[in-house]
C-alpha atoms as a PDB file:
ATOM      1  CA  MET A   1     105.651 131.047  68.814  1.00  0.00           C
ATOM      2  CA  PHE A   2     104.089 129.310  71.773  1.00  0.00           C
ATOM      3  CA  ARG A   3     106.323 127.964  74.470  1.00  0.00           C
ATOM      4  CA  SER A   4     105.545 125.078  76.754  1.00  0.00           C
ATOM      5  CA  ARG A   5     103.205 126.270  79.473  1.00  0.00           C
ATOM      6  CA  PRO A   6     104.361 125.025  82.895  1.00  0.00           C
ATOM      7  CA  ALA A   7     100.907 125.772  84.289  1.00  0.00           C
ATOM      8  CA  LEU A   8      99.394 123.116  81.993  1.00  0.00           C
ATOM      9  CA  ARG A   9     101.514 120.475  83.714  1.00  0.00           C
ATOM     10  CA  LEU A  10      99.760 121.306  86.981  1.00  0.00           C
ATOM     11  CA  ILE A  11      96.247 120.631  85.675  1.00  0.00           C
ATOM     12  CA  PRO A  12      96.307 116.852  86.407  1.00  0.00           C
ATOM     13  CA  LEU A  13      97.499 117.493  89.960  1.00  0.00           C
ATOM     14  CA  ILE A  14      94.829 120.151  90.502  1.00  0.00           C
ATOM     15  CA  LEU A  15      92.136 117.810  89.184  1.00  0.00           C
ATOM     16  CA  LEU A  16      93.414 115.032  91.426  1.00  0.00           C
ATOM     17  CA  SER A  17      93.267 117.369  94.413  1.00  0.00           C
ATOM     18  CA  LEU A  18      89.760 118.477  93.551  1.00  0.00           C
ATOM     19  CA  SER A  19      88.592 114.866  93.263  1.00  0.00           C
ATOM     20  CA  SER A  20      89.220 114.400  96.982  1.00  0.00           C
ATOM     21  CA  LEU A  21      87.086 117.374  98.065  1.00  0.00           C
ATOM     22  CA  PRO A  22      83.804 115.417  98.382  1.00  0.00           C
ATOM     23  CA  ALA A  23      85.461 112.910 100.727  1.00  0.00           C
ATOM     24  CA  LEU A  24      86.941 115.704 102.811  1.00  0.00           C
ATOM     25  CA  ALA A  25      83.620 117.521 103.029  1.00  0.00           C
ATOM     26  CA  ALA A  26      81.815 114.335 104.078  1.00  0.00           C
ATOM     27  CA  ASP A  27      84.355 113.824 106.848  1.00  0.00           C
ATOM     28  CA  GLU A  28      84.282 117.416 108.049  1.00  0.00           C
ATOM     29  CA  GLY A  29      82.989 116.638 111.533  1.00  0.00           C
ATOM     30  CA  HIS A  30      85.925 114.437 112.500  1.00  0.00           C
ATOM     31  CA  ASP A  31      89.022 115.566 114.362  1.00  0.00           C
ATOM     32  CA  HIS A  32      91.877 115.228 111.909  1.00  0.00           C
ATOM     33  CA  HIS A  33      94.793 115.992 114.245  1.00  0.00           C
ATOM     34  CA  GLY A  34      96.363 118.728 112.189  1.00  0.00           C
ATOM     35  CA  ASN A  35      96.453 118.346 108.427  1.00  0.00           C
ATOM     36  CA  HIS A  36      96.076 114.568 108.384  1.00  0.00           C
ATOM     37  CA  PRO A  37      93.056 112.899 106.860  1.00  0.00           C
ATOM     38  CA  ALA A  38      90.769 110.823 109.064  1.00  0.00           C
ATOM     39  CA  HIS A  39      92.688 108.375 111.235  1.00  0.00           C
ATOM     40  CA  VAL A  40      91.406 104.848 110.580  1.00  0.00           C
ATOM     41  CA  HIS A  41      93.206 101.833 112.002  1.00  0.00           C
ATOM     42  CA  GLY A  42      94.070  99.294 109.304  1.00  0.00           C
ATOM     43  CA  VAL A  43      93.891 101.875 106.506  1.00  0.00           C
ATOM     44  CA  GLY A  44      96.812 103.724 104.950  1.00  0.00           C
ATOM     45  CA  LYS A  45      96.906 106.431 102.332  1.00  0.00           C
ATOM     46  CA  LEU A  46      99.489 106.428  99.546  1.00  0.00           C
ATOM     47  CA  ASP A  47     100.051 109.240  97.050  1.00  0.00           C
ATOM     48  CA  VAL A  48     102.004 108.156  93.969  1.00  0.00           C
ATOM     49  CA  ALA A  49     103.385 110.576  91.382  1.00  0.00           C
ATOM     50  CA  LEU A  50     105.659 110.100  88.393  1.00  0.00           C
ATOM     51  CA  GLU A  51     107.261 113.168  86.869  1.00  0.00           C
ATOM     52  CA  GLY A  52     110.089 112.750  84.420  1.00  0.00           C
ATOM     53  CA  ASN A  53     112.309 110.007  85.800  1.00  0.00           C
ATOM     54  CA  THR A  54     111.285 110.573  89.437  1.00  0.00           C
ATOM     55  CA  LEU A  55     108.756 108.369  91.196  1.00  0.00           C
ATOM     56  CA  THR A  56     107.569 109.754  94.532  1.00  0.00           C
ATOM     57  CA  LEU A  57     105.408 107.960  97.066  1.00  0.00           C
ATOM     58  CA  HIS A  58     103.946 109.519 100.207  1.00  0.00           C
ATOM     59  CA  LEU A  59     102.603 107.093 102.808  1.00  0.00           C
ATOM     60  CA  ASP A  60     100.338 108.346 105.603  1.00  0.00           C
ATOM     61  CA  SER A  61      99.409 105.653 108.091  1.00  0.00           C
ATOM     62  CA  PRO A  62      98.202 105.295 111.641  1.00  0.00           C
ATOM     63  CA  LEU A  63     101.289 104.243 113.577  1.00  0.00           C
ATOM     64  CA  ILE A  64      99.443 101.182 114.872  1.00  0.00           C
ATOM     65  CA  ASN A  65      99.427  99.696 111.331  1.00  0.00           C
ATOM     66  CA  LEU A  66     103.226  99.682 111.343  1.00  0.00           C
ATOM     67  CA  VAL A  67     104.295  98.980 114.928  1.00  0.00           C
ATOM     68  CA  GLY A  68     101.169  97.857 116.791  1.00  0.00           C
ATOM     69  CA  PHE A  69     100.929 100.910 119.069  1.00  0.00           C
ATOM     70  CA  GLU A  70     100.434 104.684 118.882  1.00  0.00           C
ATOM     71  CA  HIS A  71     102.390 105.987 121.855  1.00  0.00           C
ATOM     72  CA  ALA A  72     105.961 107.193 122.194  1.00  0.00           C
ATOM     73  CA  ALA A  73     108.415 104.303 122.142  1.00  0.00           C
ATOM     74  CA  SER A  74     109.820 104.440 125.661  1.00  0.00           C
ATOM     75  CA  SER A  75     110.533 100.788 126.481  1.00  0.00           C
ATOM     76  CA  GLY A  76     113.347  98.813 124.913  1.00  0.00           C
ATOM     77  CA  LYS A  77     110.802  96.481 123.318  1.00  0.00           C
ATOM     78  CA  ASP A  78     108.882  99.390 121.733  1.00  0.00           C
ATOM     79  CA  LYS A  79     112.111 100.926 120.417  1.00  0.00           C
ATOM     80  CA  ASP A  80     113.174  97.589 118.916  1.00  0.00           C
ATOM     81  CA  THR A  81     109.758  97.290 117.236  1.00  0.00           C
ATOM     82  CA  VAL A  82     110.107 100.784 115.743  1.00  0.00           C
ATOM     83  CA  ARG A  83     113.661 100.081 114.557  1.00  0.00           C
ATOM     84  CA  ALA A  84     112.488  96.894 112.815  1.00  0.00           C
ATOM     85  CA  ALA A  85     109.632  98.789 111.117  1.00  0.00           C
ATOM     86  CA  VAL A  86     112.003 101.565 110.045  1.00  0.00           C
ATOM     87  CA  LYS A  87     114.441  99.010 108.618  1.00  0.00           C
ATOM     88  CA  ASN A  88     111.611  97.504 106.548  1.00  0.00           C
ATOM     89  CA  LEU A  89     110.345 100.893 105.338  1.00  0.00           C
ATOM     90  CA  ARG A  90     113.835 101.911 104.250  1.00  0.00           C
ATOM     91  CA  GLU A  91     114.011  98.816 102.017  1.00  0.00           C
ATOM     92  CA  VAL A  92     112.160 100.813  99.394  1.00  0.00           C
ATOM     93  CA  ASN A  93     112.523  98.342  96.514  1.00  0.00           C
ATOM     94  CA  ARG A  94     110.977  95.601  98.669  1.00  0.00           C
ATOM     95  CA  MET A  95     108.092  97.761  99.944  1.00  0.00           C
ATOM     96  CA  PHE A  96     107.381  99.368  96.559  1.00  0.00           C
ATOM     97  CA  ALA A  97     108.538  96.972  93.824  1.00  0.00           C
ATOM     98  CA  THR A  98     108.799  98.496  90.368  1.00  0.00           C
ATOM     99  CA  ASP A  99     109.232  96.899  86.944  1.00  0.00           C
ATOM    100  CA  ALA A 100     112.834  95.684  86.593  1.00  0.00           C
ATOM    101  CA  ALA A 101     113.101  97.223  83.116  1.00  0.00           C
ATOM    102  CA  ALA A 102     112.470 100.701  84.582  1.00  0.00           C
ATOM    103  CA  GLN A 103     115.654 100.399  86.704  1.00  0.00           C
ATOM    104  CA  CYS A 104     114.274 102.456  89.601  1.00  0.00           C
ATOM    105  CA  LYS A 105     116.697 103.073  92.463  1.00  0.00           C
ATOM    106  CA  PRO A 106     115.878 104.618  95.846  1.00  0.00           C
ATOM    107  CA  ALA A 107     117.144 108.192  96.090  1.00  0.00           C
ATOM    108  CA  GLU A 108     115.677 109.393  99.392  1.00  0.00           C
ATOM    109  CA  VAL A 109     113.529 108.243 102.289  1.00  0.00           C
ATOM    110  CA  GLN A 110     112.120 110.548 104.977  1.00  0.00           C
ATOM    111  CA  LEU A 111     110.085 109.271 107.920  1.00  0.00           C
ATOM    112  CA  GLU A 112     108.229 111.414 110.455  1.00  0.00           C
ATOM    113  CA  SER A 113     105.921 110.850 113.399  1.00  0.00           C
ATOM    114  CA  ALA A 114     104.784 113.250 116.092  1.00  0.00           C
ATOM    115  CA  VAL A 115     105.375 110.654 118.826  1.00  0.00           C
ATOM    116  CA  LEU A 116     108.690 109.158 117.670  1.00  0.00           C
ATOM    117  CA  THR A 117     112.039 110.916 117.756  1.00  0.00           C
ATOM    118  CA  PRO A 118     113.678 111.569 114.397  1.00  0.00           C
ATOM    119  CA  ALA A 119     116.752 109.649 115.591  1.00  0.00           C
ATOM    120  CA  LEU A 120     114.636 106.538 116.228  1.00  0.00           C
ATOM    121  CA  LEU A 121     113.258 106.901 112.692  1.00  0.00           C
ATOM    122  CA  GLY A 122     116.781 107.071 111.276  1.00  0.00           C
ATOM    123  CA  GLU A 123     116.567 110.765 110.440  1.00  0.00           C
ATOM    124  CA  LYS A 124     119.477 113.141 110.926  1.00  0.00           C
ATOM    125  CA  THR A 125     118.376 115.901 113.295  1.00  0.00           C
ATOM    126  CA  PRO A 126     119.626 117.527 116.486  1.00  0.00           C
ATOM    127  CA  ALA A 127     119.760 115.117 119.436  1.00  0.00           C
ATOM    128  CA  SER A 128     117.438 117.421 121.404  1.00  0.00           C
ATOM    129  CA  SER A 129     114.421 116.529 119.248  1.00  0.00           C
ATOM    130  CA  GLU A 130     111.690 115.157 121.488  1.00  0.00           C
ATOM    131  CA  PRO A 131     108.413 113.572 120.448  1.00  0.00           C
ATOM    132  CA  ALA A 132     105.264 115.657 120.838  1.00  0.00           C
ATOM    133  CA  PRO A 133     102.553 114.776 123.334  1.00  0.00           C
ATOM    134  CA  ASN A 134     100.092 112.221 122.014  1.00  0.00           C
ATOM    135  CA  ASP A 135      96.305 112.084 122.205  1.00  0.00           C
ATOM    136  CA  GLY A 136      96.291 108.363 121.393  1.00  0.00           C
ATOM    137  CA  HIS A 137      96.054 108.691 117.599  1.00  0.00           C
ATOM    138  CA  ALA A 138      99.542 108.972 116.140  1.00  0.00           C
ATOM    139  CA  ASP A 139     100.518 108.649 112.477  1.00  0.00           C
ATOM    140  CA  LEU A 140     103.688 107.983 110.571  1.00  0.00           C
ATOM    141  CA  ASP A 141     104.394 109.815 107.330  1.00  0.00           C
ATOM    142  CA  GLY A 142     106.900 108.426 104.883  1.00  0.00           C
ATOM    143  CA  ASP A 143     108.237 110.072 101.744  1.00  0.00           C
ATOM    144  CA  PHE A 144     109.986 107.743  99.301  1.00  0.00           C
ATOM    145  CA  THR A 145     111.751 108.995  96.168  1.00  0.00           C
ATOM    146  CA  LEU A 146     113.018 106.693  93.434  1.00  0.00           C
ATOM    147  CA  VAL A 147     114.893 107.689  90.298  1.00  0.00           C
ATOM    148  CA  CYS A 148     114.193 105.518  87.256  1.00  0.00           C
ATOM    149  CA  ALA A 149     116.717 105.111  84.423  1.00  0.00           C
ATOM    150  CA  SER A 150     113.910 104.059  82.028  1.00  0.00           C
ATOM    151  CA  PRO A 151     110.681 105.611  83.318  1.00  0.00           C
ATOM    152  CA  GLY A 152     108.861 104.642  80.106  1.00  0.00           C
ATOM    153  CA  ALA A 153     109.202 101.000  81.177  1.00  0.00           C
ATOM    154  CA  LEU A 154     107.513 101.684  84.511  1.00  0.00           C
ATOM    155  CA  ASN A 155     104.034 100.160  84.303  1.00  0.00           C
ATOM    156  CA  THR A 156     103.261  99.103  87.861  1.00  0.00           C
ATOM    157  CA  VAL A 157     104.230  99.511  91.494  1.00  0.00           C
ATOM    158  CA  ASP A 158     103.671  96.427  93.633  1.00  0.00           C
ATOM    159  CA  VAL A 159     103.115  97.090  97.343  1.00  0.00           C
ATOM    160  CA  SER A 160     102.752  93.410  98.321  1.00  0.00           C
ATOM    161  CA  GLY A 161     105.947  93.796 100.350  1.00  0.00           C
ATOM    162  CA  LEU A 162     104.336  96.539 102.421  1.00  0.00           C
ATOM    163  CA  PHE A 163     101.337  94.337 103.226  1.00  0.00           C
ATOM    164  CA  ALA A 164     103.631  91.377 104.011  1.00  0.00           C
ATOM    165  CA  ALA A 165     105.910  93.396 106.314  1.00  0.00           C
ATOM    166  CA  PHE A 166     103.045  95.175 108.067  1.00  0.00           C
ATOM    167  CA  PRO A 167      99.991  92.933 108.559  1.00  0.00           C
ATOM    168  CA  GLY A 168      98.263  95.823 110.361  1.00  0.00           C
ATOM    169  CA  PHE A 169      97.297  97.144 106.914  1.00  0.00           C
ATOM    170  CA  GLN A 170      93.875  95.958 105.810  1.00  0.00           C
ATOM    171  CA  ARG A 171      93.606  98.486 102.978  1.00  0.00           C
ATOM    172  CA  ILE A 172      95.685 101.187 101.308  1.00  0.00           C
ATOM    173  CA  ASP A 173      93.902 103.986  99.443  1.00  0.00           C
ATOM    174  CA  VAL A 174      96.037 105.226  96.556  1.00  0.00           C
ATOM    175  CA  GLN A 175      95.879 108.550  94.717  1.00  0.00           C
ATOM    176  CA  LEU A 176      97.856 108.432  91.481  1.00  0.00           C
ATOM    177  CA  ALA A 177      99.201 111.097  89.126  1.00  0.00           C
ATOM    178  CA  THR A 178     101.410 110.208  86.153  1.00  0.00           C
ATOM    179  CA  PRO A 179     101.733 111.720  82.673  1.00  0.00           C
ATOM    180  CA  LYS A 180      99.478 108.917  81.364  1.00  0.00           C
ATOM    181  CA  LYS A 181      97.009 108.406  84.203  1.00  0.00           C
ATOM    182  CA  GLN A 182      95.336 110.120  87.139  1.00  0.00           C
ATOM    183  CA  GLY A 183      93.022 108.352  89.502  1.00  0.00           C
ATOM    184  CA  ALA A 184      92.486 106.370  92.640  1.00  0.00           C
ATOM    185  CA  VAL A 185      92.710 102.706  93.526  1.00  0.00           C
ATOM    186  CA  GLN A 186      92.169 100.669  96.678  1.00  0.00           C
ATOM    187  CA  LEU A 187      94.703  97.989  97.530  1.00  0.00           C
ATOM    188  CA  VAL A 188      94.212  95.040  99.857  1.00  0.00           C
ATOM    189  CA  PRO A 189      96.419  92.070 100.729  1.00  0.00           C
ATOM    190  CA  GLY A 190      96.476  89.815  97.672  1.00  0.00           C
ATOM    191  CA  SER A 191      95.589  92.704  95.337  1.00  0.00           C
ATOM    192  CA  ALA A 192      98.427  95.168  95.758  1.00  0.00           C
ATOM    193  CA  LEU A 193      99.408  96.237  92.250  1.00  0.00           C
ATOM    194  CA  ILE A 194      99.189  99.916  91.255  1.00  0.00           C
ATOM    195  CA  PRO A 195      98.780 100.318  87.466  1.00  0.00           C
ATOM    196  CA  LEU A 196     100.609 103.435  86.300  1.00  0.00           C
ATOM    197  CA  ASN A 197      99.365 103.416  82.669  1.00  0.00           C
END
């Protein structure tokens, strides 16, 4: 008689969103530059969600954590630095290592920054795309999608590769939503494992 209620599947995500309200309220007086949370050098934010066989990760980081600066890449040296960072970020299985038994394969990567052209980030967009003016606090957003052949075997995501490739990270704050677990965890170099169960 009763069918599956799609709205019930949203409850964990709603609860996860509500859990961040106290932190947002406490930080209300800060300039957030649009919809981004507070901009703190050395700290990144990572949202991790598992739904069905799809693992999605959203990284929000001050650009300085990834490339050592927060301005538009205008010199050849700056552009080379960005290209190297982009190459690392697009090596999804190295940045976000999953359990081998889960057989997770990268499906999509999207990178965006207000001060870097989409072409420099490896995104396909019109050549006329120009970076926006910068107030000195630029971020990079990355969306990473993996498809897992055996999602039931996915127990952890290891972001040691992210810390190794980008020593500008001192901490990554993780928000997690899976069918088995919702919560938050703080990662630091040397302790970079996200438990999914």
